[in-house]
Amino acid sequence: MLDEATREHITDGAGPGVRDTDGDLRPELIEQVANAVEASDAARLKALFADLHAADQSDLLEVLAPDDQPRLIELLGPVFDFTALTELDETVRTRIVEALETHTLVEGMRELDSDDAVYILEDLDKADQAEILDQLPELDRAALSRSLDYPEETAGRRMQTEFVAVPAFWSVGRTIDHLRETEHLPERFYEVFVVDPLYRLKGAVALDVVLRSRPGVTIGEILSDEWHQVRDTDDQEDVARLFERYNWVSAPVVDDTGRLVGVITVDDIVDVIAEEADEDLKALGGVKADEELSDSVWYIAKSRFSWLFLNLLTAMLASVVIGLFAGEIEKMVALAVLMPIVASQGGNAGTQTMTVAVRALATRELGHGNAMRIVVREAAAGLINGLAFAVIMGAVAVAWFGIPDLGLVIGLAMVIVLVAAALGGILIPLALHRLGADPAVSSGPFVTTVTDVVGFCAFLGIAALWFGKS
């Protein structure tokens, strides 16, 4: 949110406040920005955007028509914070970057931290990356090229290459003077790293410790005994888990020789956690991780087709099971009426268990040590709910159709399907994880198949046996 001075600046002569009480952009502001872009009124736009946070700039940029988005950036010039591009959907960001003049991109990249610059560049093809990198200063070009060489979703891709490193023999006074006098320091940093002449990491000292120590004390004397590091090839999700577990604020990144190559800070990790959670949630619904609201209709339809086709095959299998009991269904219409209820309850119960299991596997809370206990717990929960819903649906079936035996049949089916759903919801993700497959992506169709097939077989099979004897 804006401070009072910024809010007054925007309101007095520059336009309305940025957001309403619900946190949405004010329509008046959006209209003023759109009108200023259409009129190519750079002065008006600069007044509207002055002192806006990058997140607010990003939201204003995203609501404009596609053709107006790059025009806005060109008109704003240095007033536009290129960090705002990192807040956009990948599809929107790529389209804007490709439409911008190269010199505009280069000037914007100069002001970014290396991790933000890499985040923007990585979506471009190699030729466009090279064109931009060639126009950057040599040191910046080398740092960005090195980061882009790392595989996606690794610490090397996420790290920023700006950090503060000093030798152990420097005094606290000399270190503080260095921090005051050096121009190109990171915008935010929390630790001073200690390195040897080959830049191998020897430890770290928190800034508050530096400021509280006497000027004559050497950095080596106040070196922390509990410092930590991550490898440049570590998966970003594993790094995020370490931040969460140990409450880190930042972590140095080293290569395979122990040489300090960058630093990851908690603001990067927040983005990683959000991305991984978003990816898992989409995977559970059969949606590709890179699908965005800005994607085209054709891309969305094509990306979802394979998942829907797999679900169609599993649904056909369930239909085959129903076909085996066609005779019983013809004799008693009540079976056809109640059959979807059994399958629906099993599907919902299986999805509940599967969601918990997939999330627990993703966060490493579920493993070899506690797998059996969790399986037993889920089965017991399924049994309790099965008995409860057996009583409920048994009473409903008797009241509805006036057939006492039908209540007993659906009651038994409810117990079986809910226990099967609980077991399928936990055992299928565990098995897929053990086989090296992503449970979030693969579990859904298998769990659905199990619950449908077991539900139909249980209900119709028991009905066939029970009423066949009658």
Protein backbone atom coordinates (compact mmCIF):
# COMPACT_ATOMS: atom_id res chain seq x y z
CA MET A 1 0.00 0.00 0.00
CA LEU A 2 1.09 3.61 -0.57
CA ASP A 3 2.21 5.93 2.21
CA GLU A 4 0.19 9.09 2.87
CA ALA A 5 2.56 11.34 0.96
CA THR A 6 2.35 9.21 -2.17
CA ARG A 7 -1.42 8.96 -1.89
CA GLU A 8 -1.70 12.74 -1.64
CA HIS A 9 0.64 13.15 -4.61
CA ILE A 10 -1.55 10.94 -6.78
CA THR A 11 -4.78 12.51 -5.59
CA ASP A 12 -3.65 16.14 -5.88
CA GLY A 13 -3.46 16.81 -9.59
CA ALA A 14 -2.29 13.36 -10.68
CA GLY A 15 -5.44 11.30 -10.28
CA PRO A 16 -7.31 9.17 -7.73
CA GLY A 17 -5.80 6.87 -5.12
CA VAL A 18 -4.37 3.62 -6.38
CA ARG A 19 -6.67 1.05 -4.73
CA ASP A 20 -10.09 0.97 -3.16
CA THR A 21 -10.97 -0.57 0.19
CA ASP A 22 -11.16 -4.05 -1.40
CA GLY A 23 -7.60 -3.77 -2.70
CA ASP A 24 -8.68 -3.42 -6.36
CA LEU A 25 -7.30 -0.76 -8.67
CA ARG A 26 -9.57 2.25 -8.79
CA PRO A 27 -11.49 2.45 -12.09
CA GLU A 28 -10.81 6.19 -12.30
CA LEU A 29 -7.07 5.60 -12.21
CA ILE A 30 -7.26 2.85 -14.84
CA GLU A 31 -9.27 5.17 -17.11
CA GLN A 32 -6.80 8.04 -16.65
CA VAL A 33 -3.84 5.80 -17.47
CA ALA A 34 -5.57 4.37 -20.56
CA ASN A 35 -6.49 7.86 -21.79
CA ALA A 36 -2.96 9.15 -21.23
CA VAL A 37 -1.48 6.24 -23.18
CA GLU A 38 -3.93 6.80 -26.04
CA ALA A 39 -2.97 10.48 -26.13
CA SER A 40 0.76 9.68 -25.78
CA ASP A 41 0.81 12.03 -22.78
CA ALA A 42 4.13 11.07 -21.20
CA ALA A 43 4.04 13.88 -18.63
CA ARG A 44 0.63 12.80 -17.37
CA LEU A 45 1.70 9.17 -17.14
CA LYS A 46 4.84 10.06 -15.22
CA ALA A 47 2.73 12.01 -12.73
CA LEU A 48 0.35 9.08 -12.33
CA PHE A 49 3.15 6.52 -11.90
CA ALA A 50 5.51 8.59 -9.78
CA ASP A 51 6.42 6.75 -6.55
CA LEU A 52 4.13 3.80 -7.32
CA HIS A 53 5.33 0.43 -6.05
CA ALA A 54 6.35 -2.09 -8.72
CA ALA A 55 3.37 -4.29 -7.81
CA ASP A 56 0.96 -1.41 -8.46
CA GLN A 57 2.71 -0.58 -11.73
CA SER A 58 2.40 -4.22 -12.73
CA ASP A 59 -1.34 -4.34 -12.04
CA LEU A 60 -1.93 -1.11 -13.96
CA LEU A 61 0.10 -2.46 -16.86
CA GLU A 62 -1.82 -5.73 -16.95
CA VAL A 63 -5.29 -4.15 -17.25
CA LEU A 64 -4.35 -2.21 -20.40
CA ALA A 65 -4.98 -3.44 -23.92
CA PRO A 66 -2.06 -5.56 -25.25
CA ASP A 67 -0.96 -2.90 -27.76
CA ASP A 68 -0.95 -0.21 -25.07
CA GLN A 69 1.28 -2.13 -22.65
CA PRO A 70 4.65 -1.64 -24.40
CA ARG A 71 3.62 1.92 -25.36
CA LEU A 72 3.12 2.72 -21.67
CA ILE A 73 6.63 1.52 -20.79
CA GLU A 74 8.20 3.48 -23.65
CA LEU A 75 6.34 6.65 -22.61
CA LEU A 76 7.28 6.30 -18.94
CA GLY A 77 10.99 5.85 -19.65
CA PRO A 78 13.05 5.68 -16.43
CA VAL A 79 9.92 6.18 -14.29
CA PHE A 80 8.83 2.61 -15.09
CA ASP A 81 10.21 0.07 -12.65
CA PHE A 82 11.19 -3.02 -14.66
CA THR A 83 10.73 -5.12 -11.53
CA ALA A 84 7.02 -4.81 -12.35
CA LEU A 85 7.55 -7.17 -15.28
CA THR A 86 8.46 -9.98 -12.88
CA GLU A 87 4.95 -9.73 -11.37
CA LEU A 88 3.19 -10.43 -14.69
CA ASP A 89 1.98 -13.71 -16.17
CA GLU A 90 4.69 -15.29 -18.31
CA THR A 91 2.60 -14.95 -21.49
CA VAL A 92 1.98 -11.24 -20.91
CA ARG A 93 5.58 -10.56 -19.88
CA THR A 94 7.04 -12.31 -22.92
CA ARG A 95 4.72 -10.47 -25.30
CA ILE A 96 5.64 -7.10 -23.77
CA VAL A 97 9.38 -7.75 -23.72
CA GLU A 98 9.38 -8.86 -27.35
CA ALA A 99 7.49 -5.69 -28.34
CA LEU A 100 9.81 -3.26 -26.54
CA GLU A 101 12.70 -1.48 -28.22
CA THR A 102 16.03 -3.12 -27.38
CA HIS A 103 17.50 0.08 -25.94
CA THR A 104 14.50 0.40 -23.59
CA LEU A 105 15.04 -3.13 -22.31
CA VAL A 106 18.77 -2.58 -21.86
CA GLU A 107 18.24 0.61 -19.83
CA GLY A 108 15.65 -1.13 -17.68
CA MET A 109 17.89 -4.15 -17.10
CA ARG A 110 20.70 -1.95 -15.79
CA GLU A 111 18.62 -1.03 -12.73
CA LEU A 112 17.52 -4.57 -11.85
CA ASP A 113 19.01 -7.05 -9.41
CA SER A 114 20.51 -9.95 -11.32
CA ASP A 115 17.83 -12.43 -10.21
CA ASP A 116 15.05 -10.19 -11.53
CA ALA A 117 16.92 -9.62 -14.79
CA VAL A 118 17.35 -13.38 -15.26
CA TYR A 119 13.64 -13.91 -14.52
CA ILE A 120 12.77 -11.64 -17.44
CA LEU A 121 15.45 -12.86 -19.84
CA GLU A 122 14.84 -16.58 -19.37
CA ASP A 123 11.52 -16.43 -21.22
CA LEU A 124 13.18 -15.11 -24.41
CA ASP A 125 14.83 -17.18 -27.09
CA LYS A 126 18.63 -17.32 -27.28
CA ALA A 127 18.90 -14.77 -30.10
CA ASP A 128 16.89 -12.12 -28.20
CA GLN A 129 18.83 -12.84 -25.00
CA ALA A 130 22.13 -12.38 -26.84
CA GLU A 131 20.97 -9.11 -28.40
CA ILE A 132 20.18 -7.64 -24.99
CA LEU A 133 23.21 -9.08 -23.20
CA ASP A 134 25.60 -7.71 -25.83
CA GLN A 135 24.57 -4.17 -24.93
CA LEU A 136 25.05 -4.55 -21.17
CA PRO A 137 28.32 -3.77 -19.34
CA GLU A 138 30.77 -6.66 -19.41
CA LEU A 139 30.47 -7.57 -15.72
CA ASP A 140 26.66 -7.53 -15.82
CA ARG A 141 26.67 -9.55 -19.03
CA ALA A 142 28.97 -12.20 -17.55
CA ALA A 143 26.90 -12.52 -14.37
CA LEU A 144 23.60 -12.84 -16.22
CA SER A 145 25.01 -15.30 -18.75
CA ARG A 146 26.33 -17.48 -15.97
CA SER A 147 22.95 -17.49 -14.20
CA LEU A 148 21.11 -18.32 -17.43
CA ASP A 149 23.38 -21.32 -17.92
CA TYR A 150 21.96 -22.97 -14.80
CA PRO A 151 18.99 -25.34 -15.23
CA GLU A 152 15.57 -23.88 -14.50
CA GLU A 153 14.23 -24.19 -10.94
CA THR A 154 17.70 -24.42 -9.38
CA ALA A 155 19.31 -22.17 -6.80
CA GLY A 156 21.68 -20.89 -9.49
CA ARG A 157 18.74 -19.53 -11.50
CA ARG A 158 17.12 -17.97 -8.45
CA MET A 159 20.17 -16.39 -6.84
CA GLN A 160 21.29 -12.80 -7.23
CA THR A 161 24.96 -12.31 -7.94
CA GLU A 162 25.24 -9.06 -5.96
CA PHE A 163 26.54 -9.66 -2.43
CA VAL A 164 29.05 -8.34 0.09
CA ALA A 165 32.15 -10.48 0.66
CA VAL A 166 35.29 -9.56 2.64
CA PRO A 167 38.40 -11.40 3.88
CA ALA A 168 38.55 -12.63 7.46
CA PHE A 169 41.45 -10.32 8.42
CA TRP A 170 39.51 -7.13 7.73
CA SER A 171 38.48 -5.21 10.83
CA VAL A 172 34.89 -4.27 11.59
CA GLY A 173 35.79 -0.60 11.05
CA ARG A 174 37.26 -1.27 7.62
CA THR A 175 34.23 -3.38 6.67
CA ILE A 176 31.80 -0.63 7.65
CA ASP A 177 33.85 1.91 5.67
CA HIS A 178 33.69 -0.45 2.69
CA LEU A 179 29.90 -0.64 2.99
CA ARG A 180 29.65 3.15 3.13
CA GLU A 181 32.01 3.90 0.25
CA THR A 182 31.21 1.16 -2.27
CA GLU A 183 28.68 2.28 -4.89
CA HIS A 184 27.48 -1.00 -6.35
CA LEU A 185 26.15 -2.83 -3.33
CA PRO A 186 22.99 -4.96 -3.34
CA GLU A 187 19.80 -3.01 -2.74
CA ARG A 188 19.03 -5.24 0.26
CA PHE A 189 21.42 -7.53 2.13
CA TYR A 190 21.48 -9.09 5.58
CA GLU A 191 24.90 -10.70 5.94
CA VAL A 192 28.55 -10.05 5.17
CA PHE A 193 30.17 -13.17 3.72
CA VAL A 194 33.75 -14.13 4.51
CA VAL A 195 35.87 -15.59 1.72
CA ASP A 196 39.46 -16.65 1.13
CA PRO A 197 41.63 -15.33 -1.77
CA LEU A 198 40.02 -17.88 -4.13
CA TYR A 199 36.56 -16.67 -3.10
CA ARG A 200 35.78 -19.91 -1.27
CA LEU A 201 33.14 -19.31 1.38
CA LYS A 202 34.43 -19.45 4.96
CA GLY A 203 31.41 -18.18 6.82
CA ALA A 204 29.05 -15.28 7.33
CA VAL A 205 28.44 -12.47 9.82
CA ALA A 206 25.00 -10.93 10.30
CA LEU A 207 24.84 -7.17 9.80
CA ASP A 208 23.57 -6.57 13.32
CA VAL A 209 26.65 -8.38 14.70
CA VAL A 210 28.94 -6.22 12.55
CA LEU A 211 27.29 -3.01 13.77
CA ARG A 212 27.46 -4.05 17.43
CA SER A 213 31.14 -5.05 17.38
CA ARG A 214 34.10 -2.81 18.17
CA PRO A 215 35.84 -1.27 15.12
CA GLY A 216 39.18 -2.93 15.87
CA VAL A 217 37.80 -6.49 16.01
CA THR A 218 38.46 -8.58 12.90
CA ILE A 219 35.62 -10.14 10.94
CA GLY A 220 37.17 -13.55 11.51
CA GLU A 221 36.76 -13.14 15.27
CA ILE A 222 33.01 -12.58 15.05
CA LEU A 223 32.37 -15.24 12.42
CA SER A 224 29.17 -17.15 13.18
CA ASP A 225 29.45 -20.78 14.25
CA GLU A 226 26.03 -21.56 12.76
CA TRP A 227 26.28 -20.38 9.19
CA HIS A 228 24.71 -22.25 6.30
CA GLN A 229 24.94 -22.53 2.52
CA VAL A 230 23.24 -24.13 -0.49
CA ARG A 231 24.63 -25.49 -3.73
CA ASP A 232 24.01 -23.71 -7.03
CA THR A 233 22.55 -26.93 -8.48
CA ASP A 234 20.11 -27.55 -5.60
CA ASP A 235 16.44 -27.66 -6.55
CA GLN A 236 14.66 -24.44 -5.63
CA GLU A 237 11.92 -26.36 -3.80
CA ASP A 238 14.51 -28.05 -1.57
CA VAL A 239 16.08 -24.65 -0.84
CA ALA A 240 12.65 -23.21 0.00
CA ARG A 241 12.06 -26.06 2.41
CA LEU A 242 15.33 -25.25 4.21
CA PHE A 243 14.31 -21.60 4.54
CA GLU A 244 10.97 -22.67 5.97
CA ARG A 245 12.45 -25.22 8.35
CA TYR A 246 15.28 -23.10 9.75
CA ASN A 247 13.75 -19.61 9.38
CA TRP A 248 16.55 -18.29 7.18
CA VAL A 249 16.47 -14.76 5.83
CA SER A 250 19.19 -15.33 3.24
CA ALA A 251 21.57 -18.09 2.19
CA PRO A 252 24.87 -17.97 0.29
CA VAL A 253 25.09 -20.07 -2.87
CA VAL A 254 28.32 -21.93 -3.67
CA ASP A 255 29.49 -23.98 -6.64
CA ASP A 256 30.97 -27.49 -6.50
CA THR A 257 34.37 -26.08 -5.43
CA GLY A 258 32.89 -24.14 -2.50
CA ARG A 259 33.32 -20.81 -4.27
CA LEU A 260 30.74 -18.14 -3.42
CA VAL A 261 28.69 -17.36 -6.55
CA GLY A 262 25.53 -15.69 -5.25
CA VAL A 263 22.92 -15.31 -2.54
CA ILE A 264 19.25 -16.25 -2.23
CA THR A 265 17.00 -14.06 -0.06
CA VAL A 266 13.65 -14.71 1.53
CA ASP A 267 11.76 -12.59 -1.04
CA ASP A 268 12.93 -15.03 -3.73
CA ILE A 269 11.81 -17.96 -1.60
CA VAL A 270 8.33 -16.52 -1.14
CA ASP A 271 7.99 -16.55 -4.94
CA VAL A 272 9.26 -20.15 -5.08
CA ILE A 273 6.76 -21.33 -2.45
CA ALA A 274 3.92 -19.59 -4.28
CA GLU A 275 4.96 -21.07 -7.62
CA GLU A 276 5.33 -24.61 -6.26
CA ALA A 277 1.97 -24.45 -4.47
CA ASP A 278 0.35 -23.11 -7.63
CA GLU A 279 1.94 -25.88 -9.66
CA ASP A 280 0.75 -28.62 -7.30
CA LEU A 281 -2.77 -27.21 -7.17
CA LYS A 282 -3.01 -27.05 -10.96
CA ALA A 283 -1.58 -30.55 -11.33
CA LEU A 284 -4.27 -31.99 -9.05
CA GLY A 285 -6.87 -30.55 -11.41
CA GLY A 286 -5.13 -31.75 -14.55
CA VAL A 287 -4.00 -28.26 -15.55
CA LYS A 288 -0.48 -27.62 -16.83
CA ALA A 289 1.77 -25.69 -14.47
CA ASP A 290 2.46 -22.95 -17.02
CA GLU A 291 -1.20 -22.23 -17.82
CA GLU A 292 -2.10 -18.59 -17.14
CA LEU A 293 -5.28 -16.55 -17.31
CA SER A 294 -3.79 -14.66 -20.24
CA ASP A 295 -3.35 -17.78 -22.42
CA SER A 296 -5.35 -18.20 -25.63
CA VAL A 297 -8.47 -20.35 -25.89
CA TRP A 298 -6.74 -22.75 -28.29
CA TYR A 299 -3.72 -23.23 -26.00
CA ILE A 300 -5.95 -23.90 -22.97
CA ALA A 301 -8.16 -26.37 -24.85
CA LYS A 302 -5.14 -28.22 -26.25
CA SER A 303 -3.30 -28.39 -22.92
CA ARG A 304 -6.32 -29.80 -21.10
CA PHE A 305 -7.29 -32.35 -23.75
CA SER A 306 -4.88 -35.13 -22.68
CA TRP A 307 -6.07 -35.09 -19.07
CA LEU A 308 -9.72 -35.12 -20.13
CA PHE A 309 -9.03 -37.97 -22.55
CA LEU A 310 -7.44 -40.03 -19.77
CA ASN A 311 -10.45 -39.38 -17.57
CA LEU A 312 -12.70 -40.45 -20.44
CA LEU A 313 -10.93 -43.81 -20.58
CA THR A 314 -11.35 -44.35 -16.85
CA ALA A 315 -15.02 -43.35 -17.09
CA MET A 316 -15.50 -45.91 -19.87
CA LEU A 317 -14.02 -48.56 -17.59
CA ALA A 318 -16.57 -47.65 -14.94
CA SER A 319 -19.31 -47.85 -17.56
CA VAL A 320 -18.16 -51.37 -18.49
CA VAL A 321 -18.58 -52.37 -14.85
CA ILE A 322 -22.11 -50.94 -14.85
CA GLY A 323 -22.87 -52.86 -18.04
CA LEU A 324 -22.07 -56.12 -16.27
CA PHE A 325 -25.03 -55.50 -13.98
CA ALA A 326 -27.47 -54.24 -16.64
CA GLY A 327 -29.93 -57.03 -15.84
CA GLU A 328 -30.14 -56.14 -12.16
CA ILE A 329 -30.57 -52.44 -12.98
CA GLU A 330 -33.46 -53.25 -15.35
CA LYS A 331 -35.20 -55.26 -12.64
CA MET A 332 -34.87 -52.52 -10.01
CA VAL A 333 -34.86 -48.88 -11.14
CA ALA A 334 -33.88 -47.82 -7.61
CA LEU A 335 -30.39 -49.15 -8.26
CA ALA A 336 -29.90 -46.71 -11.15
CA VAL A 337 -31.18 -43.85 -9.00
CA LEU A 338 -28.89 -44.58 -6.03
CA MET A 339 -25.83 -45.70 -7.97
CA PRO A 340 -24.44 -42.15 -8.64
CA ILE A 341 -24.64 -41.34 -4.92
CA VAL A 342 -22.33 -44.21 -4.04
CA ALA A 343 -19.82 -43.27 -6.76
CA SER A 344 -19.96 -39.58 -5.86
CA GLN A 345 -19.29 -40.19 -2.17
CA GLY A 346 -16.38 -42.47 -3.02
CA GLY A 347 -14.92 -39.95 -5.46
CA ASN A 348 -15.14 -37.08 -2.98
CA ALA A 349 -13.63 -39.14 -0.16
CA GLY A 350 -10.81 -40.30 -2.42
CA THR A 351 -10.07 -36.74 -3.51
CA GLN A 352 -9.90 -35.58 0.11
CA THR A 353 -7.38 -38.25 1.06
CA MET A 354 -5.41 -37.81 -2.17
CA THR A 355 -5.11 -34.04 -1.61
CA VAL A 356 -3.72 -34.55 1.89
CA ALA A 357 -1.33 -37.27 0.69
CA VAL A 358 0.01 -35.32 -2.30
CA ARG A 359 0.59 -32.23 -0.19
CA ALA A 360 2.32 -34.26 2.52
CA LEU A 361 4.60 -35.91 -0.06
CA ALA A 362 5.43 -32.52 -1.60
CA THR A 363 6.42 -31.06 1.78
CA ARG A 364 8.26 -34.26 2.80
CA GLU A 365 5.96 -34.72 5.79
CA LEU A 366 5.02 -38.19 4.53
CA GLY A 367 7.79 -40.74 4.15
CA HIS A 368 8.93 -44.27 4.98
CA GLY A 369 8.89 -43.62 8.72
CA ASN A 370 5.24 -42.67 9.07
CA ALA A 371 3.64 -44.08 5.89
CA MET A 372 2.02 -47.12 7.53
CA ARG A 373 0.63 -45.05 10.41
CA ILE A 374 -0.94 -42.57 7.98
CA VAL A 375 -2.40 -45.38 5.84
CA VAL A 376 -4.03 -46.95 8.91
CA ARG A 377 -5.29 -43.53 10.04
CA GLU A 378 -6.91 -42.80 6.68
CA ALA A 379 -8.47 -46.26 6.49
CA ALA A 380 -9.91 -45.82 9.98
CA ALA A 381 -11.32 -42.40 9.06
CA GLY A 382 -12.85 -43.95 5.95
CA LEU A 383 -14.42 -46.73 8.02
CA ILE A 384 -15.95 -44.30 10.52
CA ASN A 385 -17.39 -42.09 7.79
CA GLY A 386 -18.53 -45.20 5.91
CA LEU A 387 -20.52 -46.41 8.91
CA ALA A 388 -22.02 -42.96 9.46
CA PHE A 389 -23.11 -42.55 5.85
CA ALA A 390 -24.31 -46.16 5.77
CA VAL A 391 -26.84 -45.30 8.45
CA ILE A 392 -27.83 -42.04 6.73
CA MET A 393 -28.20 -43.46 3.21
CA GLY A 394 -29.80 -46.67 4.47
CA ALA A 395 -32.54 -44.64 6.15
CA VAL A 396 -32.95 -42.44 3.07
CA ALA A 397 -33.21 -45.43 0.73
CA VAL A 398 -35.84 -47.14 2.88
CA ALA A 399 -37.88 -43.95 3.23
CA TRP A 400 -37.55 -43.20 -0.49
CA PHE A 401 -38.31 -46.58 -2.05
CA GLY A 402 -39.92 -48.46 0.83
CA ILE A 403 -37.58 -51.47 0.42
CA PRO A 404 -35.82 -52.33 3.73
CA ASP A 405 -33.28 -54.63 2.07
CA LEU A 406 -32.21 -51.79 -0.24
CA GLY A 407 -31.15 -49.74 2.78
CA LEU A 408 -28.91 -52.59 3.95
CA VAL A 409 -27.37 -52.99 0.47
CA ILE A 410 -26.48 -49.32 0.03
CA GLY A 411 -25.24 -49.16 3.62
CA LEU A 412 -22.76 -52.00 3.05
CA ALA A 413 -21.69 -50.41 -0.25
CA MET A 414 -21.05 -47.08 1.49
CA VAL A 415 -18.73 -48.69 4.02
CA ILE A 416 -16.78 -50.54 1.33
CA VAL A 417 -16.44 -47.59 -1.06
CA LEU A 418 -15.36 -45.08 1.59
CA VAL A 419 -12.71 -47.42 2.98
CA ALA A 420 -11.52 -48.18 -0.57
CA ALA A 421 -11.46 -44.46 -1.38
CA ALA A 422 -9.35 -43.72 1.69
CA LEU A 423 -6.89 -46.51 0.87
CA GLY A 424 -6.73 -45.56 -2.81
CA GLY A 425 -6.27 -41.89 -1.98
CA ILE A 426 -3.18 -42.61 0.14
CA LEU A 427 -1.68 -45.74 -1.45
CA ILE A 428 -1.80 -44.55 -5.08
CA PRO A 429 0.17 -41.31 -4.44
CA LEU A 430 2.65 -43.28 -2.32
CA ALA A 431 3.14 -45.87 -5.06
CA LEU A 432 3.54 -43.24 -7.79
CA HIS A 433 6.03 -41.36 -5.64
CA ARG A 434 7.99 -44.56 -5.05
CA LEU A 435 8.07 -45.17 -8.82
CA GLY A 436 9.43 -41.68 -9.48
CA ALA A 437 6.23 -40.21 -10.96
CA ASP A 438 4.72 -36.94 -9.77
CA PRO A 439 1.74 -37.87 -7.55
CA ALA A 440 0.12 -34.47 -8.12
CA VAL A 441 -0.04 -35.08 -11.86
CA SER A 442 -0.83 -38.79 -11.97
CA SER A 443 -2.95 -39.64 -8.94
CA GLY A 444 -6.29 -38.17 -9.99
CA PRO A 445 -7.36 -40.56 -12.77
CA PHE A 446 -6.21 -43.64 -10.86
CA VAL A 447 -8.00 -42.65 -7.65
CA THR A 448 -11.16 -41.82 -9.62
CA THR A 449 -11.03 -45.19 -11.36
CA VAL A 450 -10.62 -47.07 -8.08
CA THR A 451 -13.50 -45.27 -6.38
CA ASP A 452 -15.84 -45.62 -9.35
CA VAL A 453 -15.09 -49.26 -10.06
CA VAL A 454 -15.16 -50.30 -6.40
CA GLY A 455 -18.29 -48.25 -5.76
CA PHE A 456 -20.25 -49.69 -8.67
CA CYS A 457 -19.00 -53.24 -8.05
CA ALA A 458 -19.82 -53.04 -4.36
CA PHE A 459 -23.28 -51.57 -4.73
CA LEU A 460 -24.44 -53.51 -7.77
CA GLY A 461 -22.64 -56.71 -6.77
CA ILE A 462 -24.17 -56.77 -3.29
CA ALA A 463 -27.55 -55.92 -4.79
CA ALA A 464 -27.25 -58.76 -7.29
CA LEU A 465 -26.31 -61.27 -4.59
CA TRP A 466 -28.86 -60.06 -2.06
CA PHE A 467 -31.89 -59.69 -4.28
CA GLY A 468 -30.90 -62.71 -6.36
CA LYS A 469 -31.50 -64.86 -3.29
CA SER A 470 -34.85 -63.24 -2.58
